Amino acid sequence: MKANSRAAVAYIAARLISGQNSSSVYDYSRSKYISIGGTVTRAHVQIFDYDQSAHIAGNGNGRSFSLFHYGEGSHISLTISGRGFQGFDYGTGSNFSGTVAGRSVTFYDYQEGMYFNFSI
């Protein structure tokens, strides 16, 4: 999964699971804040990644979400289960999963075979 897509999904998952609002996500692997703004609800996601100048939008049913990353031109599926999440990035053909604890996100990218950490 590409770095900005990973950060955006971590941001979305953290907002959905924690219920906290945020105007950025911190990517520890790149030691940088990524400004992201927009709406994240159980029914609709409409955010803008200012770092990549790209919209990520989609709809959900409270648990499963179908997202489209306009910067990458690809779909992303996201499923929330308790404090965890998982999904698939159709752009890179890779799975991901993770957990949210407060404002912190631990994200496992199966394509990279690595864990990544974020906070909102």
C-alpha atoms as a PDB file:
ATOM      1  CA  MET A   1       0.000   0.000   0.000  1.00  0.00           C
ATOM      2  CA  LYS A   2       1.302   3.465  -0.781  1.00  0.00           C
ATOM      3  CA  ALA A   3       2.325   5.630   2.171  1.00  0.00           C
ATOM      4  CA  ASN A   4      -0.329   8.346   1.793  1.00  0.00           C
ATOM      5  CA  SER A   5      -3.100   5.791   1.285  1.00  0.00           C
ATOM      6  CA  ARG A   6      -1.945   3.985   4.427  1.00  0.00           C
ATOM      7  CA  ALA A   7      -1.982   7.252   6.406  1.00  0.00           C
ATOM      8  CA  ALA A   8      -5.459   8.159   5.108  1.00  0.00           C
ATOM      9  CA  VAL A   9      -6.893   4.755   6.028  1.00  0.00           C
ATOM     10  CA  ALA A  10      -5.284   4.974   9.485  1.00  0.00           C
ATOM     11  CA  TYR A  11      -6.876   8.428   9.906  1.00  0.00           C
ATOM     12  CA  ILE A  12     -10.314   7.177   8.821  1.00  0.00           C
ATOM     13  CA  ALA A  13     -10.139   4.071  11.034  1.00  0.00           C
ATOM     14  CA  ALA A  14      -8.980   6.113  14.038  1.00  0.00           C
ATOM     15  CA  ARG A  15     -11.809   8.610  13.646  1.00  0.00           C
ATOM     16  CA  LEU A  16     -14.427   5.886  13.195  1.00  0.00           C
ATOM     17  CA  ILE A  17     -13.243   3.773  16.120  1.00  0.00           C
ATOM     18  CA  SER A  18     -12.204   6.463  18.619  1.00  0.00           C
ATOM     19  CA  GLY A  19     -14.888   9.000  17.758  1.00  0.00           C
ATOM     20  CA  GLN A  20     -12.202  11.704  18.016  1.00  0.00           C
ATOM     21  CA  ASN A  21     -11.927  14.535  15.519  1.00  0.00           C
ATOM     22  CA  SER A  22      -8.560  15.561  14.068  1.00  0.00           C
ATOM     23  CA  SER A  23      -7.143  17.775  11.335  1.00  0.00           C
ATOM     24  CA  SER A  24      -4.044  15.646  10.777  1.00  0.00           C
ATOM     25  CA  VAL A  25      -2.445  12.254  11.167  1.00  0.00           C
ATOM     26  CA  TYR A  26       1.139  11.732  12.312  1.00  0.00           C
ATOM     27  CA  ASP A  27       3.054   9.071  10.375  1.00  0.00           C
ATOM     28  CA  TYR A  28       5.873   7.809  12.617  1.00  0.00           C
ATOM     29  CA  SER A  29       7.592   5.946   9.760  1.00  0.00           C
ATOM     30  CA  ARG A  30       8.054   9.227   7.865  1.00  0.00           C
ATOM     31  CA  SER A  31       8.288  11.468  10.961  1.00  0.00           C
ATOM     32  CA  LYS A  32       5.713  13.894   9.595  1.00  0.00           C
ATOM     33  CA  TYR A  33       2.233  15.279  10.064  1.00  0.00           C
ATOM     34  CA  ILE A  34      -0.170  14.944   7.156  1.00  0.00           C
ATOM     35  CA  SER A  35      -2.978  17.502   7.121  1.00  0.00           C
ATOM     36  CA  ILE A  36      -6.314  15.843   6.450  1.00  0.00           C
ATOM     37  CA  GLY A  37      -9.742  17.361   6.822  1.00  0.00           C
ATOM     38  CA  GLY A  38     -13.326  16.452   6.159  1.00  0.00           C
ATOM     39  CA  THR A  39     -16.229  14.338   7.297  1.00  0.00           C
ATOM     40  CA  VAL A  40     -15.968  10.836   8.747  1.00  0.00           C
ATOM     41  CA  THR A  41     -19.227   9.248   9.937  1.00  0.00           C
ATOM     42  CA  ARG A  42     -20.594   5.701  10.116  1.00  0.00           C
ATOM     43  CA  ALA A  43     -22.452   6.344   6.850  1.00  0.00           C
ATOM     44  CA  HIS A  44     -20.146   8.592   4.831  1.00  0.00           C
ATOM     45  CA  VAL A  45     -16.463   9.468   4.408  1.00  0.00           C
ATOM     46  CA  GLN A  46     -15.402  12.608   2.536  1.00  0.00           C
ATOM     47  CA  ILE A  47     -11.850  13.740   3.359  1.00  0.00           C
ATOM     48  CA  PHE A  48      -9.056  15.645   1.643  1.00  0.00           C
ATOM     49  CA  ASP A  49      -5.375  14.760   2.008  1.00  0.00           C
ATOM     50  CA  TYR A  50      -3.603  18.144   1.717  1.00  0.00           C
ATOM     51  CA  ASP A  51      -0.181  16.467   1.463  1.00  0.00           C
ATOM     52  CA  GLN A  52      -1.177  14.597  -1.692  1.00  0.00           C
ATOM     53  CA  SER A  53      -3.921  17.037  -2.820  1.00  0.00           C
ATOM     54  CA  ALA A  54      -6.369  14.156  -3.100  1.00  0.00           C
ATOM     55  CA  HIS A  55      -9.924  13.345  -2.043  1.00  0.00           C
ATOM     56  CA  ILE A  56     -10.835  10.024  -0.443  1.00  0.00           C
ATOM     57  CA  ALA A  57     -14.565   9.382  -0.319  1.00  0.00           C
ATOM     58  CA  GLY A  58     -17.082   6.611   0.098  1.00  0.00           C
ATOM     59  CA  ASN A  59     -20.056   5.206   1.919  1.00  0.00           C
ATOM     60  CA  GLY A  60     -20.550   2.689   4.675  1.00  0.00           C
ATOM     61  CA  ASN A  61     -23.104   0.889   6.764  1.00  0.00           C
ATOM     62  CA  GLY A  62     -21.457   1.548  10.120  1.00  0.00           C
ATOM     63  CA  ARG A  63     -19.119  -1.437   9.814  1.00  0.00           C
ATOM     64  CA  SER A  64     -18.085  -1.892   6.163  1.00  0.00           C
ATOM     65  CA  PHE A  65     -16.939   0.934   3.924  1.00  0.00           C
ATOM     66  CA  SER A  66     -16.263   1.196   0.211  1.00  0.00           C
ATOM     67  CA  LEU A  67     -13.811   4.036  -0.384  1.00  0.00           C
ATOM     68  CA  PHE A  68     -12.277   5.589  -3.492  1.00  0.00           C
ATOM     69  CA  HIS A  69      -8.883   7.301  -3.372  1.00  0.00           C
ATOM     70  CA  TYR A  70      -8.994   9.899  -6.145  1.00  0.00           C
ATOM     71  CA  GLY A  71      -5.242  10.589  -5.924  1.00  0.00           C
ATOM     72  CA  GLU A  72      -4.411   6.938  -6.615  1.00  0.00           C
ATOM     73  CA  GLY A  73      -7.474   6.222  -8.761  1.00  0.00           C
ATOM     74  CA  SER A  74      -8.275   3.087  -6.792  1.00  0.00           C
ATOM     75  CA  HIS A  75     -10.843   1.531  -4.474  1.00  0.00           C
ATOM     76  CA  ILE A  76     -10.195   0.577  -0.856  1.00  0.00           C
ATOM     77  CA  SER A  77     -12.449  -1.622   1.268  1.00  0.00           C
ATOM     78  CA  LEU A  78     -12.451  -1.086   5.025  1.00  0.00           C
ATOM     79  CA  THR A  79     -14.205  -3.137   7.726  1.00  0.00           C
ATOM     80  CA  ILE A  80     -14.406  -2.034  11.362  1.00  0.00           C
ATOM     81  CA  SER A  81     -14.740  -4.633  14.130  1.00  0.00           C
ATOM     82  CA  GLY A  82     -14.584  -3.344  17.699  1.00  0.00           C
ATOM     83  CA  ARG A  83     -11.195  -1.633  18.104  1.00  0.00           C
ATOM     84  CA  GLY A  84      -9.802  -3.383  15.022  1.00  0.00           C
ATOM     85  CA  PHE A  85     -10.005  -2.866  11.291  1.00  0.00           C
ATOM     86  CA  GLN A  86      -9.037  -4.701   8.120  1.00  0.00           C
ATOM     87  CA  GLY A  87      -9.370  -4.199   4.425  1.00  0.00           C
ATOM     88  CA  PHE A  88      -8.026  -4.420   0.918  1.00  0.00           C
ATOM     89  CA  ASP A  89      -6.314  -1.851  -1.312  1.00  0.00           C
ATOM     90  CA  TYR A  90      -7.329  -2.629  -4.890  1.00  0.00           C
ATOM     91  CA  GLY A  91      -4.671  -0.272  -6.275  1.00  0.00           C
ATOM     92  CA  THR A  92      -1.801  -2.391  -4.992  1.00  0.00           C
ATOM     93  CA  GLY A  93      -3.731  -5.648  -4.519  1.00  0.00           C
ATOM     94  CA  SER A  94      -2.781  -5.810  -0.861  1.00  0.00           C
ATOM     95  CA  ASN A  95      -4.487  -6.543   2.455  1.00  0.00           C
ATOM     96  CA  PHE A  96      -4.073  -4.497   5.624  1.00  0.00           C
ATOM     97  CA  SER A  97      -5.249  -4.681   9.217  1.00  0.00           C
ATOM     98  CA  GLY A  98      -4.799  -2.813  12.448  1.00  0.00           C
ATOM     99  CA  THR A  99      -6.004  -1.675  15.837  1.00  0.00           C
ATOM    100  CA  VAL A 100      -6.887   1.655  17.406  1.00  0.00           C
ATOM    101  CA  ALA A 101      -6.137   2.532  21.043  1.00  0.00           C
ATOM    102  CA  GLY A 102      -7.283   6.041  21.902  1.00  0.00           C
ATOM    103  CA  ARG A 103      -5.693   8.319  19.294  1.00  0.00           C
ATOM    104  CA  SER A 104      -3.004   5.765  18.317  1.00  0.00           C
ATOM    105  CA  VAL A 105      -3.140   3.372  15.365  1.00  0.00           C
ATOM    106  CA  THR A 106      -1.060   0.260  14.756  1.00  0.00           C
ATOM    107  CA  PHE A 107      -1.315  -0.660  11.079  1.00  0.00           C
ATOM    108  CA  TYR A 108      -0.047  -3.864   9.441  1.00  0.00           C
ATOM    109  CA  ASP A 109       0.554  -3.647   5.679  1.00  0.00           C
ATOM    110  CA  TYR A 110       0.695  -7.162   4.199  1.00  0.00           C
ATOM    111  CA  GLN A 111       2.358  -5.933   0.988  1.00  0.00           C
ATOM    112  CA  GLU A 112       5.233  -4.413   2.969  1.00  0.00           C
ATOM    113  CA  GLY A 113       5.195  -7.147   5.635  1.00  0.00           C
ATOM    114  CA  MET A 114       5.613  -4.422   8.257  1.00  0.00           C
ATOM    115  CA  TYR A 115       3.842  -2.591  11.062  1.00  0.00           C
ATOM    116  CA  PHE A 116       3.346   1.176  10.855  1.00  0.00           C
ATOM    117  CA  ASN A 117       2.276   3.533  13.645  1.00  0.00           C
ATOM    118  CA  PHE A 118       0.115   6.629  13.420  1.00  0.00           C
ATOM    119  CA  SER A 119      -1.676   9.022  15.732  1.00  0.00           C
ATOM    120  CA  ILE A 120      -4.475  11.501  15.157  1.00  0.00           C
END
